[in-house]
Amino acid sequence: MLRELYRHNLLVPFVYVNNRRVGPTHTAREPEPRSGGTLLTELRYARDRRRLSDLSVTPFKSRLRFESRRGDSRHWWNGLIYSWHQLLVLPRLQPVLEQKMYRRRHESWTVRLPSPDEFVLHEALRFRRIAINATALEARYLPNLDPEWVHLSNAEPTEWERYRETFDPVAVSNILGYTTTQAREDAEFLLHLAYSIDPLSGPWSQLVRRSRRDSRQHLKDAALSAIELRETAEILLRYYEDLVDRGAAEPLPEIPRMAWHPLMERLSCRQDTLDQNLMRLGLSPHPRVVLAVEGETEEMHVPKVWAALGYPEAPELMRVLKLGGVDRDLEKVAALAAAPLVGTKAPDGRYWSLIKPPTRLMVAVDPEGKHFAPGKVEKTRTQIINEIRAVLKAQGAQTTDSELDELVEIRTWSQSCYEFAHFTDEELADGIMRVHATVGGLARDGLVESIARTRSRGHKDIKEVWSQWEYKVNKIAMAEALWPVLERKIEHAKVGEAVMIPEIVNVVQHVYWTAQRWRYPSFVLTAEPDRS
């Protein structure tokens, strides 16, 4: 196929390395990077010995081989080098390639292509010209097409920085004979073609454009051609913008907001953030619900309850936040977890776009302390919402009270602490005895009685039981010891309608269904005028 494309002047090898002198001697004017692959080494060696030729300006070499034969050395090479920019022509060659015919010749099959029409030949010449100029420019612009990354091949960072500092786009333009008008027209031509053939659109296309170059090996066919067209176009446009900075070209036009323009297809055109692209695809890694719990026991049990209920391992649904005590000031932490991050305001002023999906803060804690004692919960919730409102105001946004109400929910256990709400005195005594050697010198009955007394006082934590012991109970170890008991209760609740469902199970179920409801939609935030 490559031979046929060469025969018809549709995809002529970029350069041919001969085994004899054919052209003028060329010596590099600047020191070249010493690193490089085999092909680069061969290219430099042939260049310095006048062995390079351009097959596009010489008659078709019918004897030029494109495949190895039996008996060839494993190091056999036909001396042909292609530039990856040449592959941009492939979408235009599709009508010709579809008419290929196979013929039997001796013991092998050969492929034949029909003679192309004038339009295809003209397009092939245009793509070759683009490939020549893009190849000349790529060493300057390709390594950092994405401003967040630098990707170098065959050079060290210091070498590339030195080359970049001495690069003069005006001088290069004069050497190449590549006008600013032609560079911009070629770039927009490539972007228009990319748009027309790309099987992906919207946030899918935006997401692919953000990927690293080496990850694009997983793309195929039109999707791969589209991203490569955009890469070459970006090289040409970065070159054009450098010429603009030198006063050698007119600035690029502003991209219209409400109409399509080829410049919208640029790799560097990012009208949305990565989080917004992921949110629109339902792939955002940000949790839809943050479940805040007080201590180590709850922190350990929540993921286990989640798994016991058969819910998937999906951190984008729920994450657990340990508060470390009911008297901690939550407002700042809560606002960090639940405050929306706003993007741009809609032209009609009715809503704000969101940079990431909203996160609901759900708090499940003991009913005590200055924040969560009976009668104080609603005040605490109002303080958290006010802090979220302040975070929004710092971003220049305000929204309705009803939307802020959706972001925060607080639940307290039915008894004074998590352990008392979920386990009997006997279950707690057995759990403590499994992880504590002395249990304060108490027998099991005495320990059960001590736990019962602590429970009956109200507003007391389980830690009161061992407050006077020589050394304290390890809460994490106790949580592990209590888990099998809670797991059995969950299993019984699944099959027995009359069985009381543990409170933590109700909380986790509520978290799961809230997260599911908020998982896939794209969200906006209703805008409200500033009332200050």
Protein backbone atom coordinates (compact mmCIF):
# COMPACT_ATOMS: atom_id res chain seq x y z
CA MET A 1 0.00 0.00 0.00
CA LEU A 2 2.83 2.43 0.85
CA ARG A 3 4.42 1.68 -2.51
CA GLU A 4 1.16 2.44 -4.34
CA LEU A 5 0.68 5.68 -2.41
CA TYR A 6 4.21 6.67 -3.39
CA ARG A 7 3.63 5.70 -7.05
CA HIS A 8 0.57 7.97 -7.24
CA ASN A 9 2.29 10.86 -5.38
CA LEU A 10 -0.27 10.63 -2.54
CA LEU A 11 2.08 9.75 0.33
CA VAL A 12 5.68 10.14 -0.78
CA PRO A 13 8.36 9.23 1.82
CA PHE A 14 9.54 12.33 3.62
CA VAL A 15 13.19 11.68 2.87
CA TYR A 16 15.23 8.87 1.29
CA VAL A 17 18.59 7.82 2.72
CA ASN A 18 20.72 6.68 -0.20
CA ASN A 19 23.83 4.50 -0.04
CA ARG A 20 25.78 6.99 -2.15
CA ARG A 21 26.26 10.76 -2.42
CA VAL A 22 23.40 12.53 -4.23
CA GLY A 23 23.12 16.05 -2.83
CA PRO A 24 24.95 19.00 -1.32
CA THR A 25 26.84 18.75 1.95
CA HIS A 26 25.06 20.19 4.97
CA THR A 27 26.63 20.97 8.31
CA ALA A 28 24.60 21.83 11.41
CA ARG A 29 25.08 25.46 12.42
CA GLU A 30 24.36 24.81 16.09
CA PRO A 31 25.41 21.97 18.40
CA GLU A 32 22.83 19.17 18.22
CA PRO A 33 21.56 17.01 21.08
CA ARG A 34 23.72 13.91 21.39
CA SER A 35 20.80 11.67 22.30
CA GLY A 36 18.54 10.20 19.64
CA GLY A 37 17.12 6.99 18.25
CA THR A 38 18.45 4.88 15.42
CA LEU A 39 16.54 6.73 12.69
CA LEU A 40 17.75 10.13 13.91
CA THR A 41 21.32 8.86 13.96
CA GLU A 42 20.94 7.47 10.42
CA LEU A 43 19.41 10.75 9.24
CA ARG A 44 22.25 12.88 10.62
CA TYR A 45 24.90 10.51 9.28
CA ALA A 46 23.38 10.57 5.78
CA ARG A 47 22.86 14.34 5.85
CA ASP A 48 26.50 15.02 6.68
CA ARG A 49 27.62 12.72 3.78
CA ARG A 50 25.26 14.08 1.08
CA ARG A 51 23.13 10.94 0.97
CA LEU A 52 19.64 12.46 1.38
CA SER A 53 17.17 12.93 -1.45
CA ASP A 54 13.57 14.13 -1.85
CA LEU A 55 11.56 11.52 -3.75
CA SER A 56 8.76 14.00 -4.45
CA VAL A 57 10.90 15.84 -7.02
CA THR A 58 12.38 12.79 -8.75
CA PRO A 59 10.75 10.21 -11.04
CA PHE A 60 9.10 7.20 -9.45
CA LYS A 61 11.69 4.60 -8.43
CA SER A 62 10.02 1.37 -9.46
CA ARG A 63 12.78 -0.78 -7.98
CA LEU A 64 12.53 0.79 -4.53
CA ARG A 65 11.58 -1.93 -2.07
CA PHE A 66 8.99 -1.47 0.67
CA GLU A 67 9.22 -4.90 2.29
CA SER A 68 11.96 -7.31 3.29
CA ARG A 69 12.53 -10.55 1.46
CA ARG A 70 13.68 -13.99 2.39
CA GLY A 71 17.42 -13.94 2.94
CA ASP A 72 17.59 -10.27 3.99
CA SER A 73 19.49 -9.41 7.15
CA ARG A 74 17.30 -8.72 10.15
CA HIS A 75 18.78 -5.22 10.09
CA TRP A 76 17.53 -4.63 6.53
CA TRP A 77 16.12 -1.16 5.91
CA ASN A 78 14.97 0.47 2.69
CA GLY A 79 16.26 3.91 3.71
CA LEU A 80 12.81 5.54 3.83
CA ILE A 81 11.81 7.94 6.61
CA TYR A 82 8.31 9.34 7.06
CA SER A 83 7.13 12.22 9.23
CA TRP A 84 4.09 11.56 11.39
CA HIS A 85 2.61 14.82 10.06
CA GLN A 86 2.29 13.09 6.67
CA LEU A 87 -0.38 10.79 8.09
CA LEU A 88 -2.75 13.77 8.28
CA VAL A 89 -3.58 13.15 4.63
CA LEU A 90 -5.17 9.74 5.33
CA PRO A 91 -8.78 10.97 5.80
CA ARG A 92 -8.58 12.61 2.37
CA LEU A 93 -7.29 9.38 0.81
CA GLN A 94 -10.15 7.26 2.10
CA PRO A 95 -12.13 7.31 -1.20
CA VAL A 96 -9.03 6.10 -3.06
CA LEU A 97 -8.16 3.45 -0.49
CA GLU A 98 -11.69 2.05 -0.66
CA GLN A 99 -11.13 1.23 -4.35
CA LYS A 100 -8.01 -0.86 -3.80
CA MET A 101 -7.72 -4.16 -5.69
CA TYR A 102 -5.57 -7.17 -4.86
CA ARG A 103 -3.65 -9.15 -7.47
CA ARG A 104 -1.77 -12.41 -7.27
CA ARG A 105 1.85 -12.05 -8.29
CA HIS A 106 4.05 -15.12 -8.19
CA GLU A 107 3.57 -16.45 -4.64
CA SER A 108 2.35 -13.24 -3.01
CA TRP A 109 -0.46 -10.74 -3.22
CA THR A 110 0.01 -7.13 -4.30
CA VAL A 111 -2.36 -4.20 -3.95
CA ARG A 112 -3.23 -1.73 -6.69
CA LEU A 113 -4.89 1.66 -6.39
CA PRO A 114 -6.76 3.54 -9.13
CA SER A 115 -5.31 6.76 -10.44
CA PRO A 116 -6.51 9.61 -8.21
CA ASP A 117 -8.35 12.62 -9.57
CA GLU A 118 -6.89 16.13 -9.64
CA PHE A 119 -8.60 17.18 -6.42
CA VAL A 120 -7.01 14.35 -4.41
CA LEU A 121 -3.60 15.07 -5.95
CA HIS A 122 -3.94 18.75 -5.08
CA GLU A 123 -4.90 17.86 -1.49
CA ALA A 124 -1.93 15.47 -1.20
CA LEU A 125 0.44 18.26 -2.27
CA ARG A 126 -1.10 20.62 0.29
CA PHE A 127 -0.73 18.09 3.09
CA ARG A 128 2.90 17.45 2.13
CA ARG A 129 3.63 21.17 2.29
CA ILE A 130 1.97 21.33 5.72
CA ALA A 131 3.95 18.31 6.87
CA ILE A 132 7.27 19.89 5.80
CA ASN A 133 6.60 23.13 7.67
CA ALA A 134 5.15 21.42 10.75
CA THR A 135 8.18 19.10 10.94
CA ALA A 136 10.47 22.12 10.81
CA LEU A 137 8.54 23.81 13.63
CA GLU A 138 7.70 20.89 15.92
CA ALA A 139 11.00 20.90 17.87
CA ARG A 140 10.04 24.36 19.18
CA TYR A 141 6.32 23.85 19.85
CA LEU A 142 5.49 20.16 20.18
CA PRO A 143 7.13 19.54 23.60
CA ASN A 144 4.76 21.92 25.38
CA LEU A 145 1.59 21.99 23.32
CA ASP A 146 -0.09 21.41 26.65
CA PRO A 147 1.21 24.26 28.86
CA GLU A 148 0.94 22.04 31.93
CA TRP A 149 3.38 19.39 30.59
CA VAL A 150 6.70 19.24 28.77
CA HIS A 151 7.27 16.11 26.69
CA LEU A 152 10.79 15.80 25.20
CA SER A 153 12.27 13.22 22.87
CA ASN A 154 15.97 13.00 21.95
CA ALA A 155 16.91 16.08 24.00
CA GLU A 156 17.55 17.13 27.58
CA PRO A 157 15.48 19.94 29.17
CA THR A 158 18.48 22.31 29.23
CA GLU A 159 19.11 21.71 25.51
CA TRP A 160 15.51 22.41 24.63
CA GLU A 161 15.42 25.55 26.79
CA ARG A 162 18.53 26.85 25.05
CA TYR A 163 17.02 26.10 21.65
CA ARG A 164 13.74 27.76 22.58
CA GLU A 165 15.51 30.94 23.77
CA THR A 166 17.37 31.33 20.48
CA PHE A 167 14.41 30.45 18.26
CA ASP A 168 13.45 33.38 15.99
CA PRO A 169 10.05 32.78 14.33
CA VAL A 170 10.56 35.63 11.84
CA ALA A 171 13.89 34.22 10.65
CA VAL A 172 12.38 30.74 10.42
CA SER A 173 9.46 32.13 8.41
CA ASN A 174 11.93 33.66 5.94
CA ILE A 175 13.93 30.44 5.67
CA LEU A 176 10.84 28.30 5.09
CA GLY A 177 9.10 30.80 2.84
CA TYR A 178 6.02 30.05 4.91
CA THR A 179 3.85 33.14 5.15
CA THR A 180 1.76 34.01 8.17
CA THR A 181 -1.39 33.95 6.06
CA GLN A 182 -0.59 30.45 4.81
CA ALA A 183 0.17 29.18 8.33
CA ARG A 184 -3.14 30.41 9.68
CA GLU A 185 -5.13 29.13 6.69
CA ASP A 186 -3.47 25.71 6.96
CA ALA A 187 -4.17 25.52 10.70
CA GLU A 188 -7.84 26.41 10.30
CA PHE A 189 -8.11 23.95 7.40
CA LEU A 190 -6.77 21.15 9.64
CA LEU A 191 -9.10 22.11 12.49
CA HIS A 192 -12.12 22.12 10.20
CA LEU A 193 -11.18 18.66 8.94
CA ALA A 194 -10.69 17.42 12.50
CA TYR A 195 -14.16 18.65 13.43
CA SER A 196 -15.74 16.99 10.40
CA ILE A 197 -14.21 13.53 10.98
CA ASP A 198 -14.05 13.33 14.78
CA PRO A 199 -16.46 10.62 16.00
CA LEU A 200 -16.38 12.24 19.44
CA SER A 201 -17.99 15.55 20.34
CA GLY A 202 -18.73 17.75 23.32
CA PRO A 203 -17.09 16.81 26.61
CA TRP A 204 -15.81 13.49 25.18
CA SER A 205 -13.80 15.37 22.57
CA GLN A 206 -12.62 17.90 25.16
CA LEU A 207 -11.48 15.10 27.44
CA VAL A 208 -9.42 13.40 24.71
CA ARG A 209 -7.74 16.71 23.89
CA ARG A 210 -6.54 16.97 27.50
CA SER A 211 -4.87 13.55 27.44
CA ARG A 212 -1.12 13.08 27.30
CA ARG A 213 0.36 12.42 23.86
CA ASP A 214 1.62 8.95 24.76
CA SER A 215 -1.88 7.92 25.92
CA ARG A 216 -3.27 8.54 22.44
CA GLN A 217 -1.84 5.24 21.25
CA HIS A 218 -5.13 3.77 22.44
CA LEU A 219 -7.12 5.77 19.87
CA LYS A 220 -7.92 4.34 16.45
CA ASP A 221 -9.08 5.41 13.00
CA ALA A 222 -10.91 8.75 12.76
CA ALA A 223 -10.51 9.56 16.47
CA LEU A 224 -6.72 9.24 16.15
CA SER A 225 -6.63 11.26 12.91
CA ALA A 226 -8.72 14.02 14.51
CA ILE A 227 -6.39 14.46 17.47
CA GLU A 228 -3.30 14.41 15.23
CA LEU A 229 -4.86 17.05 12.96
CA ARG A 230 -5.38 19.22 16.05
CA GLU A 231 -1.79 18.68 17.19
CA THR A 232 -0.32 19.85 13.90
CA ALA A 233 -2.76 22.77 13.77
CA GLU A 234 -1.71 23.77 17.29
CA ILE A 235 1.96 23.79 16.24
CA LEU A 236 1.14 26.11 13.33
CA LEU A 237 -1.01 28.40 15.49
CA ARG A 238 1.58 28.63 18.26
CA TYR A 239 4.08 29.62 15.59
CA TYR A 240 1.58 32.17 14.24
CA GLU A 241 1.04 33.63 17.72
CA ASP A 242 4.81 34.04 18.14
CA LEU A 243 4.82 35.99 14.88
CA VAL A 244 1.96 38.13 16.23
CA ASP A 245 4.08 38.91 19.31
CA ARG A 246 6.88 40.05 16.97
CA GLY A 247 4.49 42.32 15.07
CA ALA A 248 4.71 40.15 11.96
CA ALA A 249 1.06 39.01 11.88
CA GLU A 250 -2.43 40.18 12.82
CA PRO A 251 -3.87 38.79 16.10
CA LEU A 252 -6.22 35.84 15.89
CA PRO A 253 -9.92 36.73 16.16
CA GLU A 254 -11.91 36.29 19.34
CA ILE A 255 -13.75 32.98 19.40
CA PRO A 256 -17.50 33.70 19.19
CA ARG A 257 -19.62 32.55 22.12
CA MET A 258 -22.71 31.48 20.23
CA ALA A 259 -21.34 30.22 16.89
CA TRP A 260 -18.89 27.55 15.79
CA HIS A 261 -15.42 28.58 14.67
CA PRO A 262 -12.43 26.40 13.69
CA LEU A 263 -10.36 27.88 16.52
CA MET A 264 -12.76 26.23 18.97
CA GLU A 265 -11.18 22.91 17.90
CA ARG A 266 -7.70 23.88 19.13
CA LEU A 267 -6.02 21.70 21.74
CA SER A 268 -5.47 24.83 23.80
CA CYS A 269 -9.11 25.98 23.57
CA ARG A 270 -10.53 24.93 26.90
CA GLN A 271 -13.82 26.65 27.52
CA ASP A 272 -14.51 24.36 30.49
CA THR A 273 -12.33 23.05 33.27
CA LEU A 274 -11.40 19.36 33.50
CA ASP A 275 -13.84 19.00 36.40
CA GLN A 276 -16.65 20.43 34.27
CA ASN A 277 -15.92 18.01 31.44
CA LEU A 278 -15.90 15.07 33.84
CA MET A 279 -19.07 16.27 35.56
CA ARG A 280 -20.96 16.44 32.26
CA LEU A 281 -19.91 12.86 31.55
CA GLY A 282 -20.83 11.62 35.03
CA LEU A 283 -17.16 10.76 35.69
CA SER A 284 -16.22 13.38 38.26
CA PRO A 285 -14.03 11.95 41.05
CA HIS A 286 -15.43 14.44 43.56
CA PRO A 287 -17.70 12.75 46.12
CA ARG A 288 -21.40 13.43 45.85
CA VAL A 289 -21.76 12.96 49.62
CA VAL A 290 -19.28 13.52 52.45
CA LEU A 291 -20.37 11.62 55.56
CA ALA A 292 -18.94 13.23 58.68
CA VAL A 293 -18.78 10.99 61.76
CA GLU A 294 -17.34 11.61 65.18
CA GLY A 295 -14.89 8.86 66.13
CA GLU A 296 -12.79 5.87 65.20
CA THR A 297 -15.58 3.29 65.62
CA GLU A 298 -17.91 5.01 63.17
CA GLU A 299 -15.05 5.76 60.77
CA MET A 300 -14.17 2.06 60.65
CA HIS A 301 -17.73 0.75 60.52
CA VAL A 302 -19.11 2.98 57.76
CA PRO A 303 -17.04 1.46 54.87
CA LYS A 304 -17.79 -2.03 56.20
CA VAL A 305 -21.53 -1.30 56.33
CA TRP A 306 -21.29 0.08 52.80
CA ALA A 307 -19.69 -3.16 51.58
CA ALA A 308 -22.11 -5.34 53.58
CA LEU A 309 -25.02 -3.64 51.81
CA GLY A 310 -23.49 -4.59 48.46
CA TYR A 311 -22.68 -1.06 47.35
CA PRO A 312 -19.80 -0.61 44.85
CA GLU A 313 -16.36 0.70 45.67
CA ALA A 314 -16.83 4.16 44.21
CA PRO A 315 -15.13 7.03 46.04
CA GLU A 316 -17.02 9.46 43.82
CA LEU A 317 -20.22 8.44 45.64
CA MET A 318 -19.15 8.81 49.29
CA ARG A 319 -16.17 9.73 51.41
CA VAL A 320 -15.94 9.57 55.18
CA LEU A 321 -14.73 12.52 57.24
CA LYS A 322 -13.80 11.93 60.89
CA LEU A 323 -14.55 14.96 63.03
CA GLY A 324 -12.62 13.77 66.06
CA GLY A 325 -15.10 15.12 68.61
CA VAL A 326 -18.47 16.82 68.78
CA ASP A 327 -17.05 20.05 70.18
CA ARG A 328 -14.80 20.80 67.22
CA ASP A 329 -15.72 23.92 65.27
CA LEU A 330 -17.07 22.46 62.05
CA GLU A 331 -18.01 25.47 60.00
CA LYS A 332 -14.73 25.86 58.10
CA VAL A 333 -14.28 22.14 57.49
CA ALA A 334 -17.93 21.72 56.51
CA ALA A 335 -17.78 24.64 54.10
CA LEU A 336 -14.65 23.20 52.51
CA ALA A 337 -16.45 19.88 51.98
CA ALA A 338 -19.79 21.20 50.71
CA ALA A 339 -19.39 24.73 49.31
CA PRO A 340 -19.96 24.78 45.52
CA LEU A 341 -17.21 26.02 43.23
CA VAL A 342 -18.83 28.30 40.68
CA GLY A 343 -17.69 29.02 37.15
CA THR A 344 -19.26 31.56 34.82
CA LYS A 345 -22.66 33.19 35.10
CA ALA A 346 -25.21 32.52 32.38
CA PRO A 347 -25.70 35.40 29.92
CA ASP A 348 -29.26 35.90 31.18
CA GLY A 349 -28.01 35.99 34.80
CA ARG A 350 -30.33 33.19 35.96
CA TYR A 351 -27.74 30.67 37.08
CA TRP A 352 -24.07 29.93 37.71
CA SER A 353 -22.27 27.02 36.08
CA LEU A 354 -20.44 24.75 38.51
CA ILE A 355 -16.79 23.73 38.21
CA LYS A 356 -17.42 20.47 40.04
CA PRO A 357 -20.59 18.60 41.01
CA PRO A 358 -22.22 19.65 44.28
CA THR A 359 -21.35 17.71 47.40
CA ARG A 360 -23.83 17.11 50.18
CA LEU A 361 -22.48 17.13 53.72
CA MET A 362 -24.21 14.59 55.96
CA VAL A 363 -23.27 14.61 59.63
CA ALA A 364 -24.03 11.62 61.89
CA VAL A 365 -22.84 12.25 65.47
CA ASP A 366 -23.55 11.78 69.16
CA PRO A 367 -26.30 14.10 70.53
CA GLU A 368 -24.05 16.10 72.84
CA GLY A 369 -21.67 19.02 73.05
CA LYS A 370 -22.04 22.64 72.08
CA HIS A 371 -22.99 21.81 68.48
CA PHE A 372 -25.15 18.68 68.56
CA ALA A 373 -26.86 18.59 71.93
CA PRO A 374 -30.67 18.47 71.69
CA GLY A 375 -31.93 21.90 70.70
CA LYS A 376 -28.60 23.00 69.15
CA VAL A 377 -28.58 20.98 65.95
CA GLU A 378 -30.57 23.42 63.84
CA LYS A 379 -28.41 26.32 64.99
CA THR A 380 -25.28 24.38 64.03
CA ARG A 381 -26.74 23.59 60.64
CA THR A 382 -27.56 27.27 60.08
CA GLN A 383 -23.99 28.24 60.99
CA ILE A 384 -22.60 25.75 58.44
CA ILE A 385 -24.93 27.05 55.73
CA ASN A 386 -23.91 30.64 56.54
CA GLU A 387 -20.26 29.65 56.14
CA ILE A 388 -21.06 28.07 52.77
CA ARG A 389 -22.88 31.27 51.80
CA ALA A 390 -19.74 33.24 52.71
CA VAL A 391 -17.58 30.98 50.53
CA LEU A 392 -19.96 31.58 47.62
CA LYS A 393 -19.91 35.32 48.23
CA ALA A 394 -16.10 35.26 48.08
CA GLN A 395 -16.52 33.81 44.59
CA GLY A 396 -18.91 36.63 43.68
CA ALA A 397 -21.99 34.40 43.75
CA GLN A 398 -25.21 34.15 45.72
CA THR A 399 -27.91 31.53 45.56
CA THR A 400 -31.28 30.77 47.11
CA ASP A 401 -31.79 29.45 50.64
CA SER A 402 -33.57 26.38 49.29
CA GLU A 403 -30.51 25.33 47.28
CA LEU A 404 -28.22 25.86 50.26
CA ASP A 405 -30.55 23.77 52.41
CA GLU A 406 -29.90 20.82 50.08
CA LEU A 407 -26.19 20.87 50.91
CA VAL A 408 -26.25 20.11 54.65
CA GLU A 409 -28.01 17.45 56.73
CA ILE A 410 -27.37 16.52 60.37
CA ARG A 411 -28.46 13.36 62.16
CA THR A 412 -27.80 12.34 65.75
CA TRP A 413 -27.92 8.87 67.28
CA SER A 414 -30.89 7.86 69.39
CA GLN A 415 -28.66 7.37 72.44
CA SER A 416 -25.82 9.31 73.97
CA CYS A 417 -23.11 7.72 71.82
CA TYR A 418 -22.73 5.55 68.72
CA GLU A 419 -21.86 2.41 70.68
CA PHE A 420 -24.90 2.67 72.95
CA ALA A 421 -27.18 3.22 69.92
CA HIS A 422 -25.98 0.09 68.16
CA PHE A 423 -24.96 -2.49 70.78
CA THR A 424 -26.39 -3.96 73.97
CA ASP A 425 -24.51 -3.84 77.27
CA GLU A 426 -23.57 -7.51 76.87
CA GLU A 427 -22.31 -7.02 73.33
CA LEU A 428 -20.19 -4.08 74.41
CA ALA A 429 -18.80 -6.00 77.40
CA ASP A 430 -17.78 -8.93 75.19
CA GLY A 431 -16.13 -6.58 72.71
CA ILE A 432 -14.16 -4.77 75.42
CA MET A 433 -13.01 -8.04 76.99
CA ARG A 434 -11.67 -9.24 73.63
CA VAL A 435 -9.31 -6.27 73.33
CA HIS A 436 -8.46 -5.40 76.97
CA ALA A 437 -6.53 -7.75 79.20
CA THR A 438 -7.62 -6.56 82.67
CA VAL A 439 -10.93 -4.71 82.13
CA GLY A 440 -10.23 -2.81 85.33
CA GLY A 441 -10.32 -6.00 87.40
CA LEU A 442 -14.00 -6.57 86.60
CA ALA A 443 -15.65 -9.86 85.77
CA ARG A 444 -18.08 -9.95 82.82
CA ASP A 445 -21.15 -9.33 85.01
CA GLY A 446 -19.44 -6.40 86.70
CA LEU A 447 -18.44 -4.95 83.35
CA VAL A 448 -22.01 -5.30 82.01
CA GLU A 449 -23.29 -3.52 85.12
CA SER A 450 -20.73 -0.71 84.72
CA ILE A 451 -21.75 -0.21 81.10
CA ALA A 452 -25.44 -0.15 82.08
CA ARG A 453 -24.80 2.52 84.73
CA THR A 454 -22.93 4.69 82.22
CA ARG A 455 -25.72 4.30 79.69
CA SER A 456 -28.42 5.20 82.25
CA ARG A 457 -26.80 8.51 83.15
CA GLY A 458 -27.44 9.93 79.69
CA HIS A 459 -25.15 12.33 77.84
CA LYS A 460 -22.21 10.00 78.60
CA ASP A 461 -19.76 8.40 76.18
CA ILE A 462 -18.69 4.75 76.33
CA LYS A 463 -15.21 5.97 77.33
CA GLU A 464 -16.60 6.76 80.80
CA VAL A 465 -16.57 3.00 81.47
CA TRP A 466 -12.76 2.78 81.44
CA SER A 467 -11.93 6.32 82.48
CA GLN A 468 -10.47 5.11 85.81
CA TRP A 469 -8.69 2.01 84.49
CA GLU A 470 -4.91 1.69 84.50
CA TYR A 471 -4.82 1.89 80.69
CA LYS A 472 -7.55 2.70 78.20
CA VAL A 473 -9.37 0.59 75.64
CA ASN A 474 -8.12 0.90 72.07
CA LYS A 475 -11.20 2.17 70.21
CA ILE A 476 -9.98 0.90 66.83
CA ALA A 477 -9.43 -2.60 68.21
CA MET A 478 -12.82 -2.48 69.90
CA ALA A 479 -14.45 -1.40 66.63
CA GLU A 480 -12.95 -4.45 64.95
CA ALA A 481 -14.21 -6.69 67.74
CA LEU A 482 -17.74 -5.24 67.50
CA TRP A 483 -17.99 -5.47 63.72
CA PRO A 484 -19.06 -9.15 63.54
CA VAL A 485 -21.96 -8.31 65.88
CA LEU A 486 -23.09 -5.42 63.70
CA GLU A 487 -22.61 -7.50 60.55
CA ARG A 488 -24.97 -10.19 61.91
CA LYS A 489 -27.57 -7.53 62.67
CA ILE A 490 -27.31 -6.27 59.10
CA GLU A 491 -27.78 -9.79 57.72
CA HIS A 492 -30.80 -10.36 59.97
CA ALA A 493 -32.28 -7.02 58.90
CA LYS A 494 -32.00 -8.06 55.26
CA VAL A 495 -34.20 -11.12 55.72
CA GLY A 496 -36.41 -10.26 58.70
CA GLU A 497 -38.99 -7.52 58.36
CA ALA A 498 -39.57 -7.36 62.12
CA VAL A 499 -35.86 -6.86 62.89
CA MET A 500 -34.80 -3.37 63.89
CA ILE A 501 -32.46 -1.89 61.25
CA PRO A 502 -29.30 -0.45 62.85
CA GLU A 503 -29.20 3.34 62.66
CA ILE A 504 -25.86 3.38 60.88
CA VAL A 505 -27.41 1.23 58.14
CA ASN A 506 -30.21 3.76 57.64
CA VAL A 507 -27.61 6.53 57.40
CA VAL A 508 -25.45 4.68 54.87
CA GLN A 509 -28.48 3.75 52.77
CA HIS A 510 -29.56 7.38 52.75
CA VAL A 511 -26.04 8.43 51.72
CA TYR A 512 -26.02 5.91 48.87
CA TRP A 513 -29.34 6.95 47.36
CA THR A 514 -28.54 10.65 47.73
CA ALA A 515 -25.23 10.07 45.94
CA GLN A 516 -26.98 8.12 43.18
CA ARG A 517 -29.47 10.92 42.69
CA TRP A 518 -26.60 13.43 42.37
CA ARG A 519 -24.21 11.23 40.42
CA TYR A 520 -24.90 11.81 36.74
CA PRO A 521 -26.80 15.06 36.15
CA SER A 522 -25.03 18.27 35.19
CA PHE A 523 -25.73 20.94 37.77
CA VAL A 524 -26.06 24.68 37.85
CA LEU A 525 -26.63 26.97 40.80
CA THR A 526 -29.60 29.32 40.78
CA ALA A 527 -28.35 32.90 40.93
CA GLU A 528 -29.86 35.41 43.33
CA PRO A 529 -29.12 39.13 43.41
CA ASP A 530 -26.79 40.44 46.09
CA ARG A 531 -28.91 41.36 49.12
CA SER A 532 -26.14 43.05 51.09
